[in-house]
Amino acid sequence: MDIKSFNLECTQCARLAKFLKEVKKEYPDYHSRPVAPFGVAKPKLLIVGLAPGKHGANATGRPFTGDYAGILLYETLHKYGFSNQAEATHSDDGLKLTQCRITNAVKCLPPENKPTSQEINTCNTYLSHELQHLPNNTVILVLGGIAHKSVIRAFGLKQADYPFGHGNKYKLPNGHILMTSYHCSRYNTQTRRLTPEMFHQVFANIRKLINA
């Protein structure tokens, strides 16, 4: 993988690097390093999340794998033909994505799942490089406000021109299509801010765009 789009040895954010060492000491079997994007190299759909979860991607080394947020995501990906199975439990579970790639705005686990603005901006360099190498007319799905702002920043666009809201759709100047959704986090799904039906509708719209 191109080191400009991902660097397993990255320690640019001192707070995050320190925290990962602490987590690794507490959980020696955890990945506890930057988490690489997962999926096909030339996707028709790129999903951008926030950051690895402590006992999910930070443990398994694969985005949304082994944590609560991944339950709805991978079930939905399978339902709409983007994966070969509906569950993601560990990095060697046989899961494969089709037409799809998953990445995060911040590649390292942040304390309390809250990266600082500086950490988000620092990691935006990796996201920007990844976005620049997408195939033409890729659908980009952002999960949550931070991922949304990170994508807008990476493309050098004005935030005010692309407000975040669940189910929004934007045709970007570069030809890509930006779709927005609330994050499939435990809090959002348990409070029903995001229901499976709402999430499925977003993916139904994405599937229509890709198949058109």
N, C-alpha and C. Protein backbone atom coordinates (compact mmCIF):
# COMPACT_ATOMS: atom_id res chain seq x y z
N MET A 1 0.84 -1.21 0.00
CA MET A 1 0.00 0.00 0.00
C MET A 1 0.87 1.25 0.00
N ASP A 2 0.45 2.23 -0.78
CA ASP A 2 1.19 3.48 -0.88
C ASP A 2 1.29 4.14 0.49
N ILE A 3 2.53 4.44 0.92
CA ILE A 3 2.74 5.03 2.24
C ILE A 3 2.11 6.42 2.35
N LYS A 4 1.85 7.06 1.20
CA LYS A 4 1.22 8.38 1.23
C LYS A 4 -0.26 8.29 1.60
N SER A 5 -0.89 7.15 1.32
CA SER A 5 -2.29 6.97 1.65
C SER A 5 -2.47 6.24 2.97
N PHE A 6 -1.42 5.54 3.42
CA PHE A 6 -1.45 4.87 4.71
C PHE A 6 -0.05 4.52 5.16
N ASN A 7 0.20 4.72 6.44
CA ASN A 7 1.52 4.40 6.99
C ASN A 7 1.34 3.71 8.33
N LEU A 8 1.61 2.42 8.37
CA LEU A 8 1.45 1.63 9.59
C LEU A 8 2.35 2.12 10.71
N GLU A 9 3.44 2.80 10.35
CA GLU A 9 4.41 3.27 11.35
C GLU A 9 4.18 4.73 11.74
N CYS A 10 3.09 5.32 11.29
CA CYS A 10 2.86 6.74 11.55
C CYS A 10 2.71 7.02 13.05
N THR A 11 3.45 8.02 13.54
CA THR A 11 3.34 8.46 14.93
C THR A 11 3.30 10.00 14.99
N GLN A 12 2.74 10.61 13.95
CA GLN A 12 2.73 12.08 13.89
C GLN A 12 1.94 12.72 15.03
N CYS A 13 0.91 12.04 15.49
CA CYS A 13 0.09 12.58 16.58
C CYS A 13 0.57 11.97 17.90
N ALA A 14 1.30 12.76 18.67
CA ALA A 14 1.94 12.24 19.88
C ALA A 14 0.93 11.67 20.87
N ARG A 15 -0.21 12.34 21.02
CA ARG A 15 -1.21 11.87 21.98
C ARG A 15 -1.75 10.50 21.57
N LEU A 16 -2.01 10.33 20.28
CA LEU A 16 -2.54 9.06 19.81
C LEU A 16 -1.49 7.95 19.89
N ALA A 17 -0.26 8.27 19.55
CA ALA A 17 0.82 7.28 19.61
C ALA A 17 1.01 6.79 21.05
N LYS A 18 0.95 7.72 21.99
CA LYS A 18 1.09 7.37 23.40
C LYS A 18 -0.08 6.50 23.86
N PHE A 19 -1.27 6.87 23.44
CA PHE A 19 -2.46 6.12 23.84
C PHE A 19 -2.43 4.69 23.29
N LEU A 20 -1.98 4.54 22.04
CA LEU A 20 -1.90 3.21 21.45
C LEU A 20 -0.92 2.32 22.21
N LYS A 21 0.17 2.90 22.66
CA LYS A 21 1.14 2.13 23.46
C LYS A 21 0.52 1.66 24.77
N GLU A 22 -0.28 2.54 25.37
CA GLU A 22 -0.95 2.20 26.64
C GLU A 22 -1.96 1.07 26.43
N VAL A 23 -2.72 1.16 25.35
CA VAL A 23 -3.71 0.13 25.05
C VAL A 23 -3.04 -1.20 24.73
N LYS A 24 -1.93 -1.13 23.99
CA LYS A 24 -1.18 -2.34 23.64
C LYS A 24 -0.65 -3.03 24.89
N LYS A 25 -0.24 -2.25 25.86
CA LYS A 25 0.27 -2.81 27.11
C LYS A 25 -0.85 -3.51 27.87
N GLU A 26 -2.03 -2.92 27.83
CA GLU A 26 -3.19 -3.49 28.52
C GLU A 26 -3.76 -4.70 27.77
N TYR A 27 -3.71 -4.60 26.44
CA TYR A 27 -4.24 -5.69 25.59
C TYR A 27 -3.16 -6.10 24.59
N PRO A 28 -2.23 -6.95 24.98
CA PRO A 28 -1.08 -7.30 24.14
C PRO A 28 -1.45 -7.91 22.79
N ASP A 29 -2.60 -8.54 22.70
CA ASP A 29 -3.00 -9.20 21.46
C ASP A 29 -3.69 -8.27 20.47
N TYR A 30 -3.94 -7.03 20.89
CA TYR A 30 -4.61 -6.08 20.01
C TYR A 30 -3.67 -5.54 18.95
N HIS A 31 -4.23 -5.15 17.82
CA HIS A 31 -3.47 -4.51 16.74
C HIS A 31 -2.81 -3.23 17.23
N SER A 32 -3.61 -2.33 17.79
CA SER A 32 -3.14 -1.09 18.44
C SER A 32 -2.09 -0.33 17.62
N ARG A 33 -2.37 -0.14 16.36
CA ARG A 33 -1.55 0.65 15.44
C ARG A 33 -2.50 1.33 14.47
N PRO A 34 -2.02 2.17 13.59
CA PRO A 34 -2.91 2.72 12.57
C PRO A 34 -3.61 1.60 11.82
N VAL A 35 -4.88 1.81 11.51
CA VAL A 35 -5.68 0.78 10.83
C VAL A 35 -5.80 1.11 9.34
N ALA A 36 -5.39 0.17 8.52
CA ALA A 36 -5.37 0.38 7.07
C ALA A 36 -6.78 0.34 6.48
N PRO A 37 -6.98 1.03 5.36
CA PRO A 37 -8.23 0.89 4.63
C PRO A 37 -8.42 -0.57 4.21
N PHE A 38 -9.66 -0.95 3.96
CA PHE A 38 -9.99 -2.34 3.64
C PHE A 38 -10.94 -2.40 2.45
N GLY A 39 -10.66 -3.30 1.52
CA GLY A 39 -11.55 -3.47 0.38
C GLY A 39 -10.81 -3.45 -0.94
N VAL A 40 -11.55 -3.27 -2.02
CA VAL A 40 -10.95 -3.30 -3.35
C VAL A 40 -10.14 -2.02 -3.60
N ALA A 41 -9.14 -2.13 -4.46
CA ALA A 41 -8.24 -1.01 -4.72
C ALA A 41 -8.93 0.11 -5.51
N LYS A 42 -9.83 -0.26 -6.40
CA LYS A 42 -10.52 0.72 -7.26
C LYS A 42 -12.02 0.61 -7.02
N PRO A 43 -12.51 1.17 -5.94
CA PRO A 43 -13.91 0.98 -5.57
C PRO A 43 -14.89 1.85 -6.36
N LYS A 44 -16.11 1.37 -6.42
CA LYS A 44 -17.20 2.20 -6.90
C LYS A 44 -17.88 2.91 -5.73
N LEU A 45 -17.67 2.36 -4.54
CA LEU A 45 -18.16 2.95 -3.29
C LEU A 45 -17.04 3.01 -2.27
N LEU A 46 -16.75 4.22 -1.78
CA LEU A 46 -15.80 4.40 -0.69
C LEU A 46 -16.58 4.85 0.54
N ILE A 47 -16.46 4.10 1.64
CA ILE A 47 -17.11 4.46 2.89
C ILE A 47 -16.06 5.06 3.82
N VAL A 48 -16.37 6.23 4.38
CA VAL A 48 -15.45 6.92 5.28
C VAL A 48 -16.07 7.01 6.67
N GLY A 49 -15.45 6.34 7.63
CA GLY A 49 -15.89 6.40 9.02
C GLY A 49 -15.08 7.41 9.80
N LEU A 50 -15.24 7.38 11.12
CA LEU A 50 -14.53 8.34 11.97
C LEU A 50 -13.13 7.85 12.34
N ALA A 51 -13.06 6.79 13.16
CA ALA A 51 -11.79 6.29 13.66
C ALA A 51 -12.00 4.87 14.17
N PRO A 52 -10.93 4.10 14.37
CA PRO A 52 -11.07 2.74 14.90
C PRO A 52 -11.67 2.74 16.30
N GLY A 53 -12.48 1.73 16.60
CA GLY A 53 -13.00 1.54 17.94
C GLY A 53 -12.00 0.75 18.77
N LYS A 54 -11.98 0.99 20.07
CA LYS A 54 -10.98 0.38 20.94
C LYS A 54 -10.99 -1.14 20.87
N HIS A 55 -12.17 -1.73 20.98
CA HIS A 55 -12.26 -3.19 21.00
C HIS A 55 -12.75 -3.74 19.67
N GLY A 56 -12.77 -2.89 18.65
CA GLY A 56 -13.16 -3.30 17.31
C GLY A 56 -11.97 -3.26 16.38
N ALA A 57 -11.94 -2.23 15.51
CA ALA A 57 -10.86 -2.14 14.52
C ALA A 57 -9.48 -2.01 15.17
N ASN A 58 -9.40 -1.34 16.31
CA ASN A 58 -8.11 -1.23 16.98
C ASN A 58 -7.62 -2.59 17.46
N ALA A 59 -8.54 -3.49 17.75
CA ALA A 59 -8.17 -4.84 18.19
C ALA A 59 -7.87 -5.75 17.01
N THR A 60 -8.72 -5.66 15.97
CA THR A 60 -8.62 -6.60 14.85
C THR A 60 -7.74 -6.12 13.71
N GLY A 61 -7.55 -4.80 13.61
CA GLY A 61 -6.74 -4.24 12.53
C GLY A 61 -7.49 -4.07 11.23
N ARG A 62 -8.83 -4.16 11.28
CA ARG A 62 -9.64 -3.99 10.07
C ARG A 62 -10.85 -3.10 10.39
N PRO A 63 -11.14 -2.12 9.56
CA PRO A 63 -12.22 -1.16 9.85
C PRO A 63 -13.56 -1.83 10.17
N PHE A 64 -14.19 -1.36 11.26
CA PHE A 64 -15.52 -1.79 11.66
C PHE A 64 -15.64 -3.29 11.93
N THR A 65 -14.53 -3.94 12.22
CA THR A 65 -14.55 -5.38 12.44
C THR A 65 -14.43 -5.70 13.93
N GLY A 66 -15.42 -6.43 14.43
CA GLY A 66 -15.40 -6.84 15.83
C GLY A 66 -16.03 -5.86 16.78
N ASP A 67 -16.65 -4.78 16.28
CA ASP A 67 -17.28 -3.83 17.18
C ASP A 67 -18.76 -3.64 16.82
N TYR A 68 -19.48 -2.96 17.69
CA TYR A 68 -20.92 -2.81 17.53
C TYR A 68 -21.28 -2.07 16.25
N ALA A 69 -20.53 -1.03 15.93
CA ALA A 69 -20.83 -0.24 14.74
C ALA A 69 -20.78 -1.07 13.47
N GLY A 70 -19.97 -2.11 13.47
CA GLY A 70 -19.84 -2.94 12.29
C GLY A 70 -21.01 -3.88 12.05
N ILE A 71 -21.82 -4.11 13.08
CA ILE A 71 -22.94 -5.05 12.93
C ILE A 71 -23.89 -4.59 11.84
N LEU A 72 -24.39 -3.37 11.97
CA LEU A 72 -25.33 -2.83 10.97
C LEU A 72 -24.63 -2.59 9.64
N LEU A 73 -23.38 -2.10 9.69
CA LEU A 73 -22.68 -1.79 8.44
C LEU A 73 -22.49 -3.03 7.58
N TYR A 74 -21.94 -4.09 8.14
CA TYR A 74 -21.64 -5.26 7.33
C TYR A 74 -22.90 -6.04 6.94
N GLU A 75 -23.91 -6.00 7.79
CA GLU A 75 -25.18 -6.62 7.42
C GLU A 75 -25.76 -5.90 6.20
N THR A 76 -25.63 -4.58 6.19
CA THR A 76 -26.16 -3.78 5.09
C THR A 76 -25.32 -3.95 3.83
N LEU A 77 -24.02 -3.99 3.98
CA LEU A 77 -23.15 -4.21 2.83
C LEU A 77 -23.49 -5.54 2.15
N HIS A 78 -23.73 -6.56 2.94
CA HIS A 78 -24.08 -7.87 2.38
C HIS A 78 -25.44 -7.83 1.71
N LYS A 79 -26.39 -7.16 2.33
CA LYS A 79 -27.75 -7.05 1.80
C LYS A 79 -27.77 -6.42 0.41
N TYR A 80 -26.87 -5.45 0.20
CA TYR A 80 -26.86 -4.72 -1.07
C TYR A 80 -25.73 -5.14 -2.01
N GLY A 81 -25.14 -6.30 -1.74
CA GLY A 81 -24.20 -6.89 -2.68
C GLY A 81 -22.78 -6.35 -2.65
N PHE A 82 -22.40 -5.73 -1.53
CA PHE A 82 -21.04 -5.19 -1.44
C PHE A 82 -20.08 -6.08 -0.64
N SER A 83 -20.57 -7.18 -0.09
CA SER A 83 -19.69 -8.10 0.64
C SER A 83 -20.21 -9.52 0.52
N ASN A 84 -19.35 -10.48 0.79
CA ASN A 84 -19.71 -11.89 0.64
C ASN A 84 -20.32 -12.49 1.89
N GLN A 85 -20.33 -11.75 2.99
CA GLN A 85 -20.95 -12.24 4.22
C GLN A 85 -21.41 -11.07 5.07
N ALA A 86 -22.32 -11.36 5.99
CA ALA A 86 -23.01 -10.30 6.74
C ALA A 86 -22.36 -9.97 8.07
N GLU A 87 -21.32 -10.71 8.45
CA GLU A 87 -20.66 -10.47 9.73
C GLU A 87 -19.17 -10.26 9.55
N ALA A 88 -18.61 -9.42 10.42
CA ALA A 88 -17.17 -9.18 10.44
C ALA A 88 -16.68 -9.31 11.87
N THR A 89 -16.02 -10.41 12.16
CA THR A 89 -15.62 -10.69 13.54
C THR A 89 -14.13 -10.56 13.80
N HIS A 90 -13.32 -10.92 12.80
CA HIS A 90 -11.86 -10.79 12.95
C HIS A 90 -11.24 -10.72 11.56
N SER A 91 -9.98 -10.41 11.49
CA SER A 91 -9.34 -10.11 10.21
C SER A 91 -9.18 -11.33 9.30
N ASP A 92 -9.33 -12.53 9.85
CA ASP A 92 -9.18 -13.76 9.05
C ASP A 92 -10.51 -14.51 8.93
N ASP A 93 -11.62 -13.78 8.94
CA ASP A 93 -12.93 -14.43 8.92
C ASP A 93 -13.44 -14.73 7.52
N GLY A 94 -12.64 -14.44 6.49
CA GLY A 94 -13.03 -14.74 5.13
C GLY A 94 -13.86 -13.66 4.45
N LEU A 95 -14.07 -12.56 5.13
CA LEU A 95 -14.87 -11.47 4.56
C LEU A 95 -14.14 -10.82 3.39
N LYS A 96 -14.88 -10.61 2.30
CA LYS A 96 -14.35 -9.89 1.15
C LYS A 96 -15.37 -8.87 0.68
N LEU A 97 -14.90 -7.71 0.28
CA LEU A 97 -15.77 -6.67 -0.23
C LEU A 97 -15.78 -6.69 -1.76
N THR A 98 -16.89 -6.27 -2.32
CA THR A 98 -17.07 -6.18 -3.77
C THR A 98 -17.44 -4.75 -4.13
N GLN A 99 -16.69 -4.14 -5.03
CA GLN A 99 -16.93 -2.76 -5.49
C GLN A 99 -16.76 -1.72 -4.38
N CYS A 100 -16.29 -2.13 -3.23
CA CYS A 100 -16.34 -1.27 -2.04
C CYS A 100 -15.01 -1.23 -1.29
N ARG A 101 -14.77 -0.11 -0.65
CA ARG A 101 -13.58 0.08 0.18
C ARG A 101 -14.01 0.88 1.41
N ILE A 102 -13.42 0.58 2.54
CA ILE A 102 -13.74 1.28 3.78
C ILE A 102 -12.48 1.89 4.37
N THR A 103 -12.57 3.14 4.78
CA THR A 103 -11.45 3.82 5.40
C THR A 103 -11.97 4.67 6.55
N ASN A 104 -11.07 5.35 7.24
CA ASN A 104 -11.46 6.24 8.33
C ASN A 104 -10.82 7.61 8.18
N ALA A 105 -11.50 8.62 8.69
CA ALA A 105 -10.94 9.97 8.68
C ALA A 105 -9.68 10.04 9.53
N VAL A 106 -9.69 9.30 10.64
CA VAL A 106 -8.53 9.21 11.55
C VAL A 106 -8.17 7.74 11.65
N LYS A 107 -6.94 7.41 11.36
CA LYS A 107 -6.54 6.01 11.25
C LYS A 107 -6.20 5.35 12.59
N CYS A 108 -6.03 6.14 13.64
CA CYS A 108 -5.66 5.60 14.95
C CYS A 108 -6.78 5.79 15.98
N LEU A 109 -6.84 4.88 16.93
CA LEU A 109 -7.79 4.97 18.02
C LEU A 109 -7.54 6.22 18.86
N PRO A 110 -8.54 7.10 19.03
CA PRO A 110 -8.37 8.26 19.90
C PRO A 110 -9.00 7.99 21.28
N PRO A 111 -8.45 8.57 22.33
CA PRO A 111 -9.07 8.43 23.65
C PRO A 111 -10.53 8.86 23.62
N GLU A 112 -11.39 8.04 24.22
CA GLU A 112 -12.83 8.32 24.31
C GLU A 112 -13.48 8.51 22.94
N ASN A 113 -12.83 7.95 21.91
CA ASN A 113 -13.34 8.05 20.53
C ASN A 113 -13.48 9.50 20.06
N LYS A 114 -12.65 10.39 20.61
CA LYS A 114 -12.75 11.80 20.26
C LYS A 114 -11.39 12.35 19.82
N PRO A 115 -11.10 12.34 18.53
CA PRO A 115 -9.86 12.95 18.05
C PRO A 115 -9.93 14.46 18.14
N THR A 116 -8.79 15.08 18.34
CA THR A 116 -8.75 16.54 18.37
C THR A 116 -8.78 17.08 16.94
N SER A 117 -9.05 18.35 16.81
CA SER A 117 -9.06 18.98 15.48
C SER A 117 -7.71 18.85 14.81
N GLN A 118 -6.65 18.99 15.59
CA GLN A 118 -5.31 18.89 15.03
C GLN A 118 -5.04 17.47 14.52
N GLU A 119 -5.50 16.47 15.26
CA GLU A 119 -5.30 15.07 14.84
C GLU A 119 -6.09 14.76 13.57
N ILE A 120 -7.29 15.29 13.50
CA ILE A 120 -8.11 15.10 12.29
C ILE A 120 -7.42 15.75 11.09
N ASN A 121 -6.90 16.93 11.29
CA ASN A 121 -6.23 17.65 10.19
C ASN A 121 -4.94 16.96 9.77
N THR A 122 -4.20 16.44 10.74
CA THR A 122 -2.95 15.74 10.43
C THR A 122 -3.22 14.49 9.59
N CYS A 123 -4.23 13.74 9.98
CA CYS A 123 -4.55 12.51 9.26
C CYS A 123 -5.23 12.79 7.93
N ASN A 124 -5.70 14.01 7.74
CA ASN A 124 -6.37 14.36 6.50
C ASN A 124 -5.45 14.24 5.29
N THR A 125 -4.15 14.31 5.52
CA THR A 125 -3.18 14.13 4.43
C THR A 125 -3.32 12.75 3.79
N TYR A 126 -3.48 11.73 4.64
CA TYR A 126 -3.65 10.37 4.14
C TYR A 126 -4.98 10.22 3.41
N LEU A 127 -6.03 10.77 4.00
CA LEU A 127 -7.35 10.68 3.36
C LEU A 127 -7.35 11.40 2.03
N SER A 128 -6.72 12.56 1.98
CA SER A 128 -6.67 13.34 0.75
C SER A 128 -6.00 12.55 -0.38
N HIS A 129 -4.89 11.90 -0.05
CA HIS A 129 -4.18 11.11 -1.07
C HIS A 129 -5.04 9.96 -1.55
N GLU A 130 -5.75 9.33 -0.64
CA GLU A 130 -6.61 8.22 -1.01
C GLU A 130 -7.75 8.68 -1.92
N LEU A 131 -8.34 9.82 -1.59
CA LEU A 131 -9.44 10.34 -2.38
C LEU A 131 -8.98 10.75 -3.78
N GLN A 132 -7.78 11.28 -3.87
CA GLN A 132 -7.26 11.72 -5.16
C GLN A 132 -7.05 10.58 -6.14
N HIS A 133 -6.95 9.36 -5.64
CA HIS A 133 -6.69 8.21 -6.51
C HIS A 133 -7.92 7.33 -6.71
N LEU A 134 -9.10 7.87 -6.42
CA LEU A 134 -10.33 7.12 -6.67
C LEU A 134 -10.63 7.09 -8.17
N PRO A 135 -11.30 6.05 -8.62
CA PRO A 135 -11.77 6.03 -10.01
C PRO A 135 -12.78 7.15 -10.24
N ASN A 136 -13.00 7.50 -11.50
CA ASN A 136 -13.97 8.55 -11.82
C ASN A 136 -15.36 8.17 -11.33
N ASN A 137 -16.09 9.17 -10.88
CA ASN A 137 -17.50 9.01 -10.51
C ASN A 137 -17.72 8.00 -9.38
N THR A 138 -16.81 7.98 -8.42
CA THR A 138 -16.99 7.12 -7.25
C THR A 138 -18.05 7.71 -6.33
N VAL A 139 -18.85 6.84 -5.72
CA VAL A 139 -19.77 7.26 -4.67
C VAL A 139 -19.01 7.23 -3.35
N ILE A 140 -19.01 8.32 -2.63
CA ILE A 140 -18.34 8.41 -1.34
C ILE A 140 -19.40 8.56 -0.26
N LEU A 141 -19.48 7.59 0.63
CA LEU A 141 -20.43 7.64 1.73
C LEU A 141 -19.72 8.01 3.02
N VAL A 142 -20.11 9.12 3.62
CA VAL A 142 -19.51 9.53 4.89
C VAL A 142 -20.45 9.14 6.03
N LEU A 143 -19.87 8.59 7.08
CA LEU A 143 -20.63 8.18 8.24
C LEU A 143 -20.36 9.17 9.38
N GLY A 144 -21.25 10.13 9.54
CA GLY A 144 -21.11 11.11 10.61
C GLY A 144 -20.47 12.41 10.17
N GLY A 145 -20.62 13.42 11.02
CA GLY A 145 -20.19 14.77 10.69
C GLY A 145 -18.70 14.95 10.55
N ILE A 146 -17.90 14.28 11.38
CA ILE A 146 -16.45 14.45 11.30
C ILE A 146 -15.92 13.86 10.00
N ALA A 147 -16.41 12.68 9.62
CA ALA A 147 -15.99 12.08 8.35
C ALA A 147 -16.40 12.99 7.19
N HIS A 148 -17.59 13.57 7.28
CA HIS A 148 -18.08 14.47 6.24
C HIS A 148 -17.15 15.68 6.09
N LYS A 149 -16.85 16.33 7.20
CA LYS A 149 -15.98 17.51 7.16
C LYS A 149 -14.59 17.14 6.66
N SER A 150 -14.12 15.96 7.02
CA SER A 150 -12.78 15.53 6.59
C SER A 150 -12.71 15.35 5.08
N VAL A 151 -13.77 14.79 4.50
CA VAL A 151 -13.79 14.61 3.05
C VAL A 151 -13.86 15.95 2.33
N ILE A 152 -14.71 16.84 2.83
CA ILE A 152 -14.83 18.18 2.23
C ILE A 152 -13.49 18.90 2.30
N ARG A 153 -12.82 18.80 3.44
CA ARG A 153 -11.51 19.43 3.61
C ARG A 153 -10.48 18.82 2.66
N ALA A 154 -10.50 17.50 2.55
CA ALA A 154 -9.52 16.81 1.71
C ALA A 154 -9.65 17.21 0.24
N PHE A 155 -10.86 17.54 -0.18
CA PHE A 155 -11.09 17.98 -1.56
C PHE A 155 -10.90 19.48 -1.74
N GLY A 156 -10.62 20.19 -0.64
CA GLY A 156 -10.41 21.63 -0.72
C GLY A 156 -11.68 22.41 -1.02
N LEU A 157 -12.82 21.88 -0.59
CA LEU A 157 -14.10 22.54 -0.83
C LEU A 157 -14.55 23.32 0.40
N LYS A 158 -15.58 24.14 0.24
CA LYS A 158 -16.10 24.94 1.34
C LYS A 158 -17.15 24.15 2.11
N GLN A 159 -16.97 24.07 3.43
CA GLN A 159 -17.90 23.31 4.26
C GLN A 159 -19.33 23.84 4.12
N ALA A 160 -19.47 25.16 4.02
CA ALA A 160 -20.81 25.76 3.98
C ALA A 160 -21.59 25.35 2.74
N ASP A 161 -20.89 24.96 1.69
CA ASP A 161 -21.56 24.57 0.45
C ASP A 161 -22.09 23.13 0.50
N TYR A 162 -21.65 22.37 1.50
CA TYR A 162 -22.04 20.96 1.58
C TYR A 162 -22.41 20.60 3.02
N PRO A 163 -23.53 21.13 3.52
CA PRO A 163 -23.91 20.85 4.90
C PRO A 163 -24.21 19.37 5.13
N PHE A 164 -23.87 18.90 6.31
CA PHE A 164 -24.11 17.50 6.66
C PHE A 164 -25.54 17.30 7.12
N GLY A 165 -26.10 16.19 6.72
CA GLY A 165 -27.43 15.77 7.17
C GLY A 165 -27.68 14.38 6.67
N HIS A 166 -28.40 13.58 7.42
CA HIS A 166 -28.62 12.20 7.00
C HIS A 166 -29.36 12.14 5.67
N GLY A 167 -28.81 11.35 4.74
CA GLY A 167 -29.45 11.14 3.46
C GLY A 167 -29.18 12.20 2.41
N ASN A 168 -28.28 13.13 2.70
CA ASN A 168 -27.97 14.15 1.71
C ASN A 168 -27.15 13.55 0.56
N LYS A 169 -27.25 14.19 -0.60
CA LYS A 169 -26.51 13.76 -1.78
C LYS A 169 -25.97 14.98 -2.49
N TYR A 170 -24.68 14.94 -2.82
CA TYR A 170 -24.04 16.06 -3.51
C TYR A 170 -23.22 15.56 -4.69
N LYS A 171 -23.34 16.24 -5.80
CA LYS A 171 -22.45 16.01 -6.94
C LYS A 171 -21.27 16.94 -6.78
N LEU A 172 -20.09 16.40 -6.58
CA LEU A 172 -18.90 17.21 -6.34
C LEU A 172 -18.31 17.71 -7.65
N PRO A 173 -17.55 18.80 -7.61
CA PRO A 173 -16.95 19.36 -8.83
C PRO A 173 -16.07 18.37 -9.59
N ASN A 174 -15.48 17.42 -8.88
CA ASN A 174 -14.59 16.45 -9.53
C ASN A 174 -15.34 15.26 -10.12
N GLY A 175 -16.66 15.28 -10.02
CA GLY A 175 -17.46 14.21 -10.60
C GLY A 175 -17.90 13.13 -9.63
N HIS A 176 -17.25 13.04 -8.46
CA HIS A 176 -17.67 12.07 -7.46
C HIS A 176 -19.01 12.47 -6.86
N ILE A 177 -19.71 11.50 -6.31
CA ILE A 177 -20.98 11.74 -5.65
C ILE A 177 -20.80 11.52 -4.15
N LEU A 178 -21.15 12.51 -3.36
CA LEU A 178 -21.02 12.43 -1.91
C LEU A 178 -22.38 12.13 -1.30
N MET A 179 -22.46 11.04 -0.55
CA MET A 179 -23.67 10.65 0.18
C MET A 179 -23.38 10.74 1.67
N THR A 180 -24.39 11.11 2.45
CA THR A 180 -24.16 11.30 3.89
C THR A 180 -25.12 10.44 4.71
N SER A 181 -24.62 9.99 5.85
CA SER A 181 -25.45 9.21 6.77
C SER A 181 -24.99 9.45 8.19
N TYR A 182 -25.92 9.34 9.13
CA TYR A 182 -25.51 9.30 10.52
C TYR A 182 -24.61 8.09 10.71
N HIS A 183 -23.69 8.18 11.64
CA HIS A 183 -22.78 7.07 11.92
C HIS A 183 -23.56 5.90 12.54
N CYS A 184 -23.18 4.69 12.15
CA CYS A 184 -23.85 3.49 12.66
C CYS A 184 -23.29 3.06 14.02
N SER A 185 -23.11 4.01 14.90
CA SER A 185 -22.56 3.76 16.23
C SER A 185 -23.61 3.13 17.14
N ARG A 186 -23.14 2.58 18.24
CA ARG A 186 -24.07 2.00 19.22
C ARG A 186 -25.06 3.06 19.72
N TYR A 187 -24.56 4.26 20.01
CA TYR A 187 -25.44 5.31 20.52
C TYR A 187 -26.53 5.66 19.51
N ASN A 188 -26.14 5.86 18.26
CA ASN A 188 -27.12 6.26 17.25
C ASN A 188 -28.15 5.18 16.96
N THR A 189 -27.71 3.92 16.95
CA THR A 189 -28.66 2.85 16.64
C THR A 189 -29.54 2.52 17.84
N GLN A 190 -29.00 2.58 19.04
CA GLN A 190 -29.81 2.25 20.22
C GLN A 190 -30.81 3.35 20.55
N THR A 191 -30.46 4.60 20.25
CA THR A 191 -31.41 5.70 20.46
C THR A 191 -32.34 5.86 19.27
N ARG A 192 -32.09 5.06 18.23
CA ARG A 192 -32.88 5.08 16.99
C ARG A 192 -32.80 6.41 16.25
N ARG A 193 -31.74 7.14 16.52
CA ARG A 193 -31.45 8.27 15.65
C ARG A 193 -31.19 7.75 14.24
N LEU A 194 -30.56 6.57 14.20
CA LEU A 194 -30.35 5.87 12.94
C LEU A 194 -30.98 4.49 13.06
N THR A 195 -32.00 4.22 12.27
CA THR A 195 -32.63 2.91 12.26
C THR A 195 -32.09 2.09 11.09
N PRO A 196 -32.21 0.76 11.16
CA PRO A 196 -31.78 -0.05 10.02
C PRO A 196 -32.47 0.37 8.73
N GLU A 197 -33.74 0.74 8.81
CA GLU A 197 -34.47 1.15 7.62
C GLU A 197 -33.87 2.41 7.01
N MET A 198 -33.48 3.37 7.85
CA MET A 198 -32.85 4.59 7.36
C MET A 198 -31.52 4.28 6.68
N PHE A 199 -30.76 3.41 7.30
CA PHE A 199 -29.44 3.05 6.77
C PHE A 199 -29.59 2.29 5.46
N HIS A 200 -30.53 1.37 5.44
CA HIS A 200 -30.76 0.59 4.22
C HIS A 200 -31.18 1.47 3.06
N GLN A 201 -31.96 2.51 3.34
CA GLN A 201 -32.41 3.39 2.27
C GLN A 201 -31.23 4.11 1.62
N VAL A 202 -30.26 4.51 2.44
CA VAL A 202 -29.06 5.15 1.90
C VAL A 202 -28.35 4.20 0.94
N PHE A 203 -28.22 2.95 1.34
CA PHE A 203 -27.52 1.98 0.49
C PHE A 203 -28.35 1.59 -0.73
N ALA A 204 -29.66 1.59 -0.60
CA ALA A 204 -30.50 1.34 -1.76
C ALA A 204 -30.28 2.43 -2.81
N ASN A 205 -30.17 3.66 -2.35
CA ASN A 205 -29.91 4.78 -3.26
C ASN A 205 -28.53 4.66 -3.89
N ILE A 206 -27.55 4.24 -3.11
CA ILE A 206 -26.19 4.06 -3.63
C ILE A 206 -26.16 2.95 -4.68
N ARG A 207 -26.83 1.86 -4.40
CA ARG A 207 -26.86 0.74 -5.36
C ARG A 207 -27.48 1.18 -6.67
N LYS A 208 -28.53 1.98 -6.62
CA LYS A 208 -29.16 2.48 -7.86
C LYS A 208 -28.19 3.35 -8.65
N LEU A 209 -27.43 4.19 -7.94
CA LEU A 209 -26.46 5.06 -8.60
C LEU A 209 -25.36 4.23 -9.30
N ILE A 210 -24.88 3.22 -8.60
CA ILE A 210 -23.80 2.41 -9.15
C ILE A 210 -24.27 1.56 -10.33
N ASN A 211 -25.50 1.09 -10.23
CA ASN A 211 -26.02 0.22 -11.29
C ASN A 211 -26.57 0.98 -12.49
N ALA A 212 -26.72 2.29 -12.33
CA ALA A 212 -27.32 3.08 -13.42
C ALA A 212 -26.45 3.07 -14.67
